[in-house]
Amino acid sequence: MAAEQRKLLEQLMGNPISSRASQLSLTDPKVCRSYLVGTCPHDLFTNTKQDLGPCPKVHSEGLKTEYENLPPQQKQRHNFEWDYMRDLQKYIDECNRRIDAAQRRLEKTPDEIRQTNVLLKSIADLSATINVGLSEIEVLGDLGEVSRAYDEFYKVRLAAAQKAERERELKALSDTSGPSGHQKLQVCDVCGAYLSRLDNDRRLADHFYGKMHLGYAQMRRTFDAFPKELRGGRPPRGPGMDDGPRGDDGDWKGPRGPRRGGYGGGGGGGRGRGYRGGW
């Protein structure tokens, strides 16, 4: 969406951005290296509470295509992936700090958070199974497949019973989970938003498929996919590479390493806990 808006703006303004970008090279410090390698964080959260505003650096599709067509050895010499990883780490660290602060405000133990997350994930999965099963029963009924429809109905009843049991467990947990149990709140371990334990399936789906949650999930997945050797305190060296420090203007600084484990299968690259299974 952000890329499409940028294209429209370029057309209305006589394409001044592309004109400026055409005068830049891949290694120019004015060029956004995160955009060249993957997705710039500024493009992930437009029109959300975490909107980062426009990227101060140039996003050029031409330079992105040029970079993508480079041989692997030449890409390694540029070392843009390390810059991209460092950029992602900065925003992941900021999000992690917000999550930790929010969790402290709710005064919950990590084990209570883990149990709640597991139950919520199970309830959502069972709800999806029930909805798919009901649709399948309707189709099989229209086709006259009575026996298969009955088998599917049995599976739906079983999933419904399991869902009811998980909901009872969640209610019991919410009634006993620390001083803030009466608040019925928890913190999303991917994006830091508050969630109500009493939210219905539709509201939970709206959150987990919302732009802000998916944006942070993508950042964490991308970061976790980087090779371990890129996560050290210094960028790897290649033939002809400068070993000097670089920062946002080209000066090397060295990133903070992730404070926790990997992506956790769906929620927390850089955190090691989250919504297992990728809500």
Foldseek 3Di string as FASTA:
>chain_A
DVVVVVVVVCVVVVNPLQVVVVVDALLALLADLLLLVDDQLQVQAPPHPPRPPDDSGRRHPVNSVVLVPDPPQVVLQSLSVLVNLQNLLVVLVVQQVLQVVVCVVLVFDPVLQQLLLVLVLLLLVLVVLLVVLVVVLVVCVVVVVVVVSVVSVVVNVVSVVVNVVSLVVNLVSLVPGPPNSVVQWHAAQQRGDIDGVPDDSVVVVCVLPPSRSVSSQVSQVVSLPDDPVSQDFAGDHHVPHDRAAQDSSGGHDGHDGQPDPGCQCAGDRSHNGGNHPHD
